[in-house]
Amino acid sequence: MKLTNAISKRIKESLKEQNITQYELFKRTGVPQSTISMILNNKVNSILISTIYQLCIGLNLELTEFFNKPYLKLENIED
């Protein structure tokens, strides 16, 4: 799986688990809703670590918790 797709998957999971919308995440983080939408729809080639950091803040996740998924292990990323 490509790294950007895995990150998108992780954000979608977190949104669903916390029952929040893309708009709510935008309000919590200041990350433009268009950017969030592009990430979630796999329309980006890369994602800044600062954006991931901001999204983690909005999702109340530590970075280690965010990346602690089997599909985000190096062996499962094909970038």
Protein backbone atom coordinates (compact mmCIF):
# COMPACT_ATOMS: atom_id res chain seq x y z
CA MET A 1 0.00 0.00 0.00
CA LYS A 2 1.25 3.49 -0.74
CA LEU A 3 2.04 5.60 2.31
CA THR A 4 -0.50 8.29 1.41
CA ASN A 5 -3.23 5.65 1.05
CA ALA A 6 -2.33 4.15 4.43
CA ILE A 7 -2.46 7.59 6.07
CA SER A 8 -5.82 8.25 4.43
CA LYS A 9 -7.12 4.94 5.75
CA ARG A 10 -5.92 5.76 9.26
CA ILE A 11 -7.59 9.18 9.26
CA LYS A 12 -10.86 7.69 7.96
CA GLU A 13 -10.78 5.08 10.73
CA SER A 14 -10.20 7.75 13.36
CA LEU A 15 -12.99 9.95 12.04
CA LYS A 16 -15.39 7.01 12.11
CA GLU A 17 -14.28 5.84 15.58
CA GLN A 18 -14.74 9.33 16.99
CA ASN A 19 -17.86 10.05 14.95
CA ILE A 20 -16.56 13.37 13.62
CA THR A 21 -16.75 14.85 10.14
CA GLN A 22 -14.11 16.30 7.88
CA TYR A 23 -15.57 19.70 8.65
CA GLU A 24 -15.24 19.15 12.39
CA LEU A 25 -11.63 18.06 11.88
CA PHE A 26 -11.00 21.25 9.89
CA LYS A 27 -12.50 23.33 12.72
CA ARG A 28 -10.31 21.57 15.28
CA THR A 29 -7.08 21.84 13.29
CA GLY A 30 -7.22 24.70 10.83
CA VAL A 31 -6.07 22.29 8.10
CA PRO A 32 -8.13 23.37 5.07
CA GLN A 33 -11.13 21.15 4.45
CA SER A 34 -10.02 20.86 0.82
CA THR A 35 -6.68 19.42 1.99
CA ILE A 36 -8.41 16.95 4.30
CA SER A 37 -10.73 15.92 1.46
CA MET A 38 -7.84 15.46 -0.97
CA ILE A 39 -5.99 13.27 1.56
CA LEU A 40 -9.07 11.17 2.30
CA ASN A 41 -9.81 10.73 -1.42
CA ASN A 42 -6.21 9.71 -2.19
CA LYS A 43 -5.63 12.69 -4.45
CA VAL A 44 -2.23 13.64 -3.02
CA ASN A 45 1.25 12.35 -3.75
CA SER A 46 2.67 13.38 -0.40
CA ILE A 47 1.55 14.68 2.97
CA LEU A 48 3.58 17.01 5.13
CA ILE A 49 4.45 15.64 8.55
CA SER A 50 3.26 18.96 9.98
CA THR A 51 -0.17 18.27 8.47
CA ILE A 52 -0.23 14.80 10.01
CA TYR A 53 0.78 16.37 13.32
CA GLN A 54 -2.07 18.90 13.14
CA LEU A 55 -4.55 16.16 12.23
CA CYS A 56 -3.36 14.06 15.16
CA ILE A 57 -3.98 17.00 17.48
CA GLY A 58 -7.50 17.32 16.09
CA LEU A 59 -8.08 13.60 16.46
CA ASN A 60 -6.61 13.55 19.98
CA LEU A 61 -4.04 10.95 18.93
CA GLU A 62 -0.37 10.73 19.77
CA LEU A 63 1.81 10.29 16.69
CA THR A 64 2.86 6.86 17.96
CA GLU A 65 -0.79 5.88 18.33
CA PHE A 66 -1.58 7.18 14.83
CA PHE A 67 1.19 5.15 13.21
CA ASN A 68 0.66 2.03 15.34
CA LYS A 69 -1.33 0.07 12.75
CA PRO A 70 -0.15 -3.02 10.86
CA TYR A 71 -0.73 -1.40 7.46
CA LEU A 72 1.56 1.49 8.48
CA LYS A 73 4.54 -0.75 9.20
CA LEU A 74 7.49 -0.21 6.86
CA GLU A 75 7.17 -3.71 5.47
CA ASN A 76 3.65 -2.93 4.28
CA ILE A 77 4.43 0.38 2.57
CA GLU A 78 5.50 0.31 -1.05
CA ASP A 79 6.54 3.92 -1.71
